PDB file of N, CA and C in Angstrom:
ATOM      1  N   UNK A   1      96.353 129.269 119.655  1.00  0.00           N
ATOM      2  CA  UNK A   1      95.310 128.641 121.118  1.00  0.00           C
ATOM      3  C   UNK A   1      95.566 128.037 122.666  1.00  0.00           C
ATOM      4  N   UNK A   2      96.951 127.599 122.829  1.00  0.00           N
ATOM      5  CA  UNK A   2      97.086 127.824 124.241  1.00  0.00           C
ATOM      6  C   UNK A   2      97.145 128.233 124.957  1.00  0.00           C
ATOM      7  N   UNK A   3      97.844 129.432 124.309  1.00  0.00           N
ATOM      8  CA  UNK A   3      97.780 130.837 125.433  1.00  0.00           C
ATOM      9  C   UNK A   3      96.860 131.112 125.909  1.00  0.00           C
ATOM     10  N   UNK A   4      95.533 131.111 124.602  1.00  0.00           N
ATOM     11  CA  UNK A   4      94.591 132.014 124.529  1.00  0.00           C
ATOM     12  C   UNK A   4      93.547 131.232 125.164  1.00  0.00           C
ATOM     13  N   UNK A   5      93.655 129.838 125.672  1.00  0.00           N
ATOM     14  CA  UNK A   5      93.103 128.824 126.471  1.00  0.00           C
ATOM     15  C   UNK A   5      93.134 129.333 127.950  1.00  0.00           C
ATOM     16  N   UNK A   6      94.827 129.386 128.053  1.00  0.00           N
ATOM     17  CA  UNK A   6      95.610 129.420 129.212  1.00  0.00           C
ATOM     18  C   UNK A   6      94.403 130.801 130.016  1.00  0.00           C
ATOM     19  N   UNK A   7      94.395 131.738 129.319  1.00  0.00           N
ATOM     20  CA  UNK A   7      94.148 133.501 129.095  1.00  0.00           C
ATOM     21  C   UNK A   7      92.662 133.668 129.552  1.00  0.00           C
ATOM     22  N   UNK A   8      92.015 132.317 129.329  1.00  0.00           N
ATOM     23  CA  UNK A   8      90.417 132.846 129.184  1.00  0.00           C
ATOM     24  C   UNK A   8      90.287 132.081 130.629  1.00  0.00           C
ATOM     25  N   UNK A   9      91.183 130.879 131.110  1.00  0.00           N
ATOM     26  CA  UNK A   9      90.721 130.073 132.422  1.00  0.00           C
ATOM     27  C   UNK A   9      91.272 131.001 133.359  1.00  0.00           C
ATOM     28  N   UNK A  10      92.579 131.511 133.246  1.00  0.00           N
ATOM     29  CA  UNK A  10      92.531 132.794 134.209  1.00  0.00           C
ATOM     30  C   UNK A  10      91.742 133.426 134.826  1.00  0.00           C
ATOM     31  N   UNK A  11      91.041 134.350 133.247  1.00  0.00           N
ATOM     32  CA  UNK A  11      89.959 135.073 133.363  1.00  0.00           C
ATOM     33  C   UNK A  11      88.630 134.858 133.594  1.00  0.00           C
ATOM     34  N   UNK A  12      88.558 133.595 133.686  1.00  0.00           N
ATOM     35  CA  UNK A  12      86.883 133.148 134.239  1.00  0.00           C
ATOM     36  C   UNK A  12      87.370 133.040 136.086  1.00  0.00           C
ATOM     37  N   UNK A  13      88.834 132.452 135.826  1.00  0.00           N
ATOM     38  CA  UNK A  13      88.738 132.416 137.497  1.00  0.00           C
ATOM     39  C   UNK A  13      89.034 133.222 138.391  1.00  0.00           C
ATOM     40  N   UNK A  14      89.954 134.652 138.065  1.00  0.00           N
ATOM     41  CA  UNK A  14      89.600 135.852 138.493  1.00  0.00           C
ATOM     42  C   UNK A  14      87.932 136.510 138.721  1.00  0.00           C
ATOM     43  N   UNK A  15      87.980 136.603 137.775  1.00  0.00           N
ATOM     44  CA  UNK A  15      86.251 137.170 137.985  1.00  0.00           C
ATOM     45  C   UNK A  15      85.061 136.470 138.001  1.00  0.00           C
ATOM     46  N   UNK A  16      85.499 135.505 138.641  1.00  0.00           N
ATOM     47  CA  UNK A  16      84.123 134.340 139.048  1.00  0.00           C
ATOM     48  C   UNK A  16      83.680 134.734 140.709  1.00  0.00           C
ATOM     49  N   UNK A  17      82.403 135.014 140.608  1.00  0.00           N
ATOM     50  CA  UNK A  17      82.024 135.084 142.251  1.00  0.00           C
ATOM     51  C   UNK A  17      81.466 134.752 142.815  1.00  0.00           C
ATOM     52  N   UNK A  18      81.065 133.362 142.105  1.00  0.00           N
ATOM     53  CA  UNK A  18      79.990 132.267 142.956  1.00  0.00           C
ATOM     54  C   UNK A  18      81.114 131.246 142.593  1.00  0.00           C
ATOM     55  N   UNK A  19      80.432 130.212 143.279  1.00  0.00           N
ATOM     56  CA  UNK A  19      80.987 128.470 143.365  1.00  0.00           C
ATOM     57  C   UNK A  19      81.443 128.130 141.700  1.00  0.00           C
ATOM     58  N   UNK A  20      82.924 128.067 141.731  1.00  0.00           N
ATOM     59  CA  UNK A  20      83.585 127.710 139.857  1.00  0.00           C
ATOM     60  C   UNK A  20      82.800 126.158 139.708  1.00  0.00           C
ATOM     61  N   UNK A  21      82.150 125.609 140.293  1.00  0.00           N
ATOM     62  CA  UNK A  21      81.638 124.332 139.851  1.00  0.00           C
ATOM     63  C   UNK A  21      80.050 124.899 139.488  1.00  0.00           C
ATOM     64  N   UNK A  22      79.426 125.694 139.993  1.00  0.00           N
ATOM     65  CA  UNK A  22      77.825 125.671 139.393  1.00  0.00           C
ATOM     66  C   UNK A  22      78.250 127.012 138.042  1.00  0.00           C
ATOM     67  N   UNK A  23      79.542 128.093 137.466  1.00  0.00           N
ATOM     68  CA  UNK A  23      79.821 128.378 136.862  1.00  0.00           C
ATOM     69  C   UNK A  23      79.916 127.597 135.396  1.00  0.00           C
ATOM     70  N   UNK A  24      78.845 127.375 134.516  1.00  0.00           N
ATOM     71  CA  UNK A  24      78.979 126.722 133.435  1.00  0.00           C
ATOM     72  C   UNK A  24      79.637 127.290 132.676  1.00  0.00           C
ATOM     73  N   UNK A  25      80.396 128.552 132.021  1.00  0.00           N
ATOM     74  CA  UNK A  25      81.459 128.878 131.739  1.00  0.00           C
ATOM     75  C   UNK A  25      82.602 128.756 131.469  1.00  0.00           C
ATOM     76  N   UNK A  26      82.833 128.419 133.008  1.00  0.00           N
ATOM     77  CA  UNK A  26      84.343 128.325 133.842  1.00  0.00           C
ATOM     78  C   UNK A  26      84.377 126.922 133.270  1.00  0.00           C
ATOM     79  N   UNK A  27      83.781 125.846 133.219  1.00  0.00           N
ATOM     80  CA  UNK A  27      83.339 124.856 133.380  1.00  0.00           C
ATOM     81  C   UNK A  27      83.517 124.254 131.879  1.00  0.00           C
ATOM     82  N   UNK A  28      83.227 124.737 130.931  1.00  0.00           N
ATOM     83  CA  UNK A  28      83.331 124.508 129.661  1.00  0.00           C
ATOM     84  C   UNK A  28      84.374 124.979 129.255  1.00  0.00           C
ATOM     85  N   UNK A  29      85.149 125.964 129.685  1.00  0.00           N
ATOM     86  CA  UNK A  29      86.514 126.394 128.852  1.00  0.00           C
ATOM     87  C   UNK A  29      87.666 125.624 129.941  1.00  0.00           C
ATOM     88  N   UNK A  30      87.108 124.951 130.585  1.00  0.00           N
ATOM     89  CA  UNK A  30      88.227 123.659 131.540  1.00  0.00           C
ATOM     90  C   UNK A  30      87.949 122.640 130.557  1.00  0.00           C
ATOM     91  N   UNK A  31      86.813 122.161 130.349  1.00  0.00           N
ATOM     92  CA  UNK A  31      86.627 121.523 129.205  1.00  0.00           C
ATOM     93  C   UNK A  31      88.014 121.340 128.150  1.00  0.00           C
ATOM     94  N   UNK A  32      87.247 122.114 127.657  1.00  0.00           N
ATOM     95  CA  UNK A  32      87.650 122.689 126.528  1.00  0.00           C
ATOM     96  C   UNK A  32      89.551 122.086 125.682  1.00  0.00           C
ATOM     97  N   UNK A  33      89.985 123.173 127.627  1.00  0.00           N
ATOM     98  CA  UNK A  33      91.702 123.194 127.969  1.00  0.00           C
ATOM     99  C   UNK A  33      91.634 121.527 127.848  1.00  0.00           C
ATOM    100  N   UNK A  34      90.723 120.959 128.269  1.00  0.00           N
ATOM    101  CA  UNK A  34      91.324 119.519 128.841  1.00  0.00           C
ATOM    102  C   UNK A  34      91.692 118.481 127.924  1.00  0.00           C
ATOM    103  N   UNK A  35      90.675 118.804 126.562  1.00  0.00           N
ATOM    104  CA  UNK A  35      90.764 118.589 125.045  1.00  0.00           C
ATOM    105  C   UNK A  35      91.574 118.872 124.442  1.00  0.00           C
ATOM    106  N   UNK A  36      92.382 119.861 124.411  1.00  0.00           N
ATOM    107  CA  UNK A  36      93.658 120.638 123.633  1.00  0.00           C
ATOM    108  C   UNK A  36      94.538 119.854 124.107  1.00  0.00           C
ATOM    109  N   UNK A  37      95.042 120.081 125.950  1.00  0.00           N
ATOM    110  CA  UNK A  37      96.289 119.206 126.315  1.00  0.00           C
ATOM    111  C   UNK A  37      95.905 117.870 125.595  1.00  0.00           C
ATOM    112  N   UNK A  38      94.848 117.287 126.264  1.00  0.00           N
ATOM    113  CA  UNK A  38      95.011 116.015 125.402  1.00  0.00           C
ATOM    114  C   UNK A  38      95.595 116.084 123.928  1.00  0.00           C
ATOM    115  N   UNK A  39      94.759 116.394 123.099  1.00  0.00           N
ATOM    116  CA  UNK A  39      95.506 116.383 121.707  1.00  0.00           C
ATOM    117  C   UNK A  39      96.685 116.680 121.584  1.00  0.00           C
ATOM    118  N   UNK A  40      97.554 117.960 122.508  1.00  0.00           N
ATOM    119  CA  UNK A  40      98.324 117.937 121.901  1.00  0.00           C
ATOM    120  C   UNK A  40      99.762 116.896 122.612  1.00  0.00           C
ATOM    121  N   UNK A  41      99.537 116.338 123.755  1.00  0.00           N
ATOM    122  CA  UNK A  41     100.233 115.340 124.307  1.00  0.00           C
ATOM    123  C   UNK A  41      99.851 114.230 123.906  1.00  0.00           C
ATOM    124  N   UNK A  42      98.610 114.110 122.778  1.00  0.00           N
ATOM    125  CA  UNK A  42      99.067 112.885 121.365  1.00  0.00           C
ATOM    126  C   UNK A  42     100.136 112.876 120.626  1.00  0.00           C
ATOM    127  N   UNK A  43      99.367 114.310 120.139  1.00  0.00           N
ATOM    128  CA  UNK A  43     100.709 115.059 118.973  1.00  0.00           C
ATOM    129  C   UNK A  43     102.203 115.060 119.294  1.00  0.00           C
ATOM    130  N   UNK A  44     102.495 115.248 120.574  1.00  0.00           N
ATOM    131  CA  UNK A  44     103.696 115.004 120.964  1.00  0.00           C
ATOM    132  C   UNK A  44     104.032 113.869 121.088  1.00  0.00           C
ATOM    133  N   UNK A  45     103.357 112.781 121.279  1.00  0.00           N
ATOM    134  CA  UNK A  45     103.511 111.247 121.305  1.00  0.00           C
ATOM    135  C   UNK A  45     104.211 111.102 119.675  1.00  0.00           C
ATOM    136  N   UNK A  46     103.398 111.174 118.755  1.00  0.00           N
ATOM    137  CA  UNK A  46     103.268 111.162 117.585  1.00  0.00           C
ATOM    138  C   UNK A  46     104.720 112.039 116.944  1.00  0.00           C
ATOM    139  N   UNK A  47     104.782 112.690 117.410  1.00  0.00           N
ATOM    140  CA  UNK A  47     106.164 113.319 116.974  1.00  0.00           C
ATOM    141  C   UNK A  47     107.824 113.183 117.783  1.00  0.00           C
ATOM    142  N   UNK A  48     107.510 112.310 118.712  1.00  0.00           N
ATOM    143  CA  UNK A  48     108.853 111.671 119.356  1.00  0.00           C
ATOM    144  C   UNK A  48     109.005 110.570 118.572  1.00  0.00           C
ATOM    145  N   UNK A  49     107.826 109.760 118.407  1.00  0.00           N
ATOM    146  CA  UNK A  49     108.062 108.217 117.537  1.00  0.00           C
ATOM    147  C   UNK A  49     108.679 108.955 115.791  1.00  0.00           C
ATOM    148  N   UNK A  50     108.226 109.698 115.711  1.00  0.00           N
ATOM    149  CA  UNK A  50     108.444 110.455 114.073  1.00  0.00           C
ATOM    150  C   UNK A  50     110.542 110.675 114.312  1.00  0.00           C
ATOM    151  N   UNK A  51     110.405 111.203 115.528  1.00  0.00           N
ATOM    152  CA  UNK A  51     112.009 111.902 115.534  1.00  0.00           C
ATOM    153  C   UNK A  51     112.723 110.921 115.734  1.00  0.00           C
ATOM    154  N   UNK A  52     112.020 109.371 116.583  1.00  0.00           N
ATOM    155  CA  UNK A  52     113.110 108.625 116.928  1.00  0.00           C
ATOM    156  C   UNK A  52     113.256 107.805 115.231  1.00  0.00           C
ATOM    157  N   UNK A  53     112.351 107.554 114.791  1.00  0.00           N
ATOM    158  CA  UNK A  53     112.386 106.807 113.199  1.00  0.00           C
ATOM    159  C   UNK A  53     113.157 107.372 112.385  1.00  0.00           C
ATOM    160  N   UNK A  54     113.795 108.928 112.297  1.00  0.00           N
ATOM    161  CA  UNK A  54     114.597 109.786 112.161  1.00  0.00           C
ATOM    162  C   UNK A  54     115.675 109.779 111.928  1.00  0.00           C
ATOM    163  N   UNK A  55     116.279 109.398 113.354  1.00  0.00           N
ATOM    164  CA  UNK A  55     117.566 109.350 113.824  1.00  0.00           C
ATOM    165  C   UNK A  55     117.930 108.387 113.399  1.00  0.00           C
ATOM    166  N   UNK A  56     117.040 107.103 113.610  1.00  0.00           N
ATOM    167  CA  UNK A  56     117.174 105.580 112.889  1.00  0.00           C
ATOM    168  C   UNK A  56     118.138 105.475 111.548  1.00  0.00           C
ATOM    169  N   UNK A  57     117.133 106.114 110.595  1.00  0.00           N
ATOM    170  CA  UNK A  57     117.101 106.569 109.404  1.00  0.00           C
ATOM    171  C   UNK A  57     118.555 107.296 109.049  1.00  0.00           C
ATOM    172  N   UNK A  58     118.721 108.168 109.905  1.00  0.00           N
ATOM    173  CA  UNK A  58     120.028 108.927 109.193  1.00  0.00           C
ATOM    174  C   UNK A  58     121.270 108.131 109.757  1.00  0.00           C
ATOM    175  N   UNK A  59     121.324 107.397 110.969  1.00  0.00           N
ATOM    176  CA  UNK A  59     122.301 106.706 111.390  1.00  0.00           C
ATOM    177  C   UNK A  59     122.515 105.813 109.980  1.00  0.00           C
ATOM    178  N   UNK A  60     121.608 105.250 109.639  1.00  0.00           N
ATOM    179  CA  UNK A  60     122.281 104.249 109.037  1.00  0.00           C
ATOM    180  C   UNK A  60     122.960 104.562 107.532  1.00  0.00           C
ATOM    181  N   UNK A  61     123.029 105.978 106.903  1.00  0.00           N
ATOM    182  CA  UNK A  61     123.531 106.952 105.921  1.00  0.00           C
ATOM    183  C   UNK A  61     125.145 107.095 107.063  1.00  0.00           C
ATOM    184  N   UNK A  62     125.173 106.789 107.786  1.00  0.00           N
ATOM    185  CA  UNK A  62     126.429 107.497 108.105  1.00  0.00           C
ATOM    186  C   UNK A  62     127.548 106.845 108.203  1.00  0.00           C
ATOM    187  N   UNK A  63     127.630 105.772 107.685  1.00  0.00           N
ATOM    188  CA  UNK A  63     128.783 104.966 106.995  1.00  0.00           C
ATOM    189  C   UNK A  63     128.657 105.229 105.852  1.00  0.00           C
ATOM    190  N   UNK A  64     128.120 105.594 104.901  1.00  0.00           N
ATOM    191  CA  UNK A  64     128.549 105.578 103.589  1.00  0.00           C
ATOM    192  C   UNK A  64     128.711 107.258 103.596  1.00  0.00           C
ATOM    193  N   UNK A  65     128.519 107.847 104.079  1.00  0.00           N
ATOM    194  CA  UNK A  65     128.782 109.723 104.111  1.00  0.00           C
ATOM    195  C   UNK A  65     130.198 109.422 103.994  1.00  0.00           C
ATOM    196  N   UNK A  66     130.937 108.600 105.663  1.00  0.00           N
ATOM    197  CA  UNK A  66     132.304 108.273 105.673  1.00  0.00           C
ATOM    198  C   UNK A  66     132.997 107.857 104.372  1.00  0.00           C
ATOM    199  N   UNK A  67     132.509 106.540 103.917  1.00  0.00           N
ATOM    200  CA  UNK A  67     133.471 106.470 102.332  1.00  0.00           C
ATOM    201  C   UNK A  67     133.115 106.763 101.507  1.00  0.00           C
ATOM    202  N   UNK A  68     132.108 108.026 101.272  1.00  0.00           N
ATOM    203  CA  UNK A  68     132.547 108.783 100.301  1.00  0.00           C
ATOM    204  C   UNK A  68     133.134 109.697 100.820  1.00  0.00           C
ATOM    205  N   UNK A  69     133.073 110.409 101.739  1.00  0.00           N
ATOM    206  CA  UNK A  69     134.118 111.739 101.937  1.00  0.00           C
ATOM    207  C   UNK A  69     135.998 110.813 101.585  1.00  0.00           C
ATOM    208  N   UNK A  70     135.877 109.586 102.479  1.00  0.00           N
ATOM    209  CA  UNK A  70     137.328 109.039 101.917  1.00  0.00           C
ATOM    210  C   UNK A  70     137.730 108.871 100.297  1.00  0.00           C
ATOM    211  N   UNK A  71     136.410 108.713  99.512  1.00  0.00           N
ATOM    212  CA  UNK A  71     136.724 108.061  98.129  1.00  0.00           C
ATOM    213  C   UNK A  71     136.560 109.511  97.461  1.00  0.00           C
ATOM    214  N   UNK A  72     135.741 110.616  98.048  1.00  0.00           N
ATOM    215  CA  UNK A  72     135.979 111.911  97.127  1.00  0.00           C
ATOM    216  C   UNK A  72     137.174 112.620  97.811  1.00  0.00           C
ATOM    217  N   UNK A  73     137.859 112.312  98.610  1.00  0.00           N
ATOM    218  CA  UNK A  73     139.325 113.086  98.640  1.00  0.00           C
ATOM    219  C   UNK A  73     140.298 112.465  97.810  1.00  0.00           C
ATOM    220  N   UNK A  74     140.126 111.063  97.793  1.00  0.00           N
ATOM    221  CA  UNK A  74     140.985 110.574  96.892  1.00  0.00           C
ATOM    222  C   UNK A  74     141.396 110.382  96.015  1.00  0.00           C
ATOM    223  N   UNK A  75     140.245 110.885  94.694  1.00  0.00           N
ATOM    224  CA  UNK A  75     140.794 111.174  93.694  1.00  0.00           C
ATOM    225  C   UNK A  75     140.494 112.436  93.671  1.00  0.00           C
TER     226      UNK A  75
END
């Protein structure tokens, strides 16, 4: 979807013969791309927080994994 909007923006900018500020289609496409960019940015922020919490949880199991490995190979 982001690629499609990017293509639409480029198409409108290259095909626009009048002032870009008066072209309602161009304004609508630019507005929708701004909304989409904001949504993507918000989702990226959530993904970063989720990734950090997963890393924290994963690191809590490291010592257990080491002890389990030692126990496994001693038996």
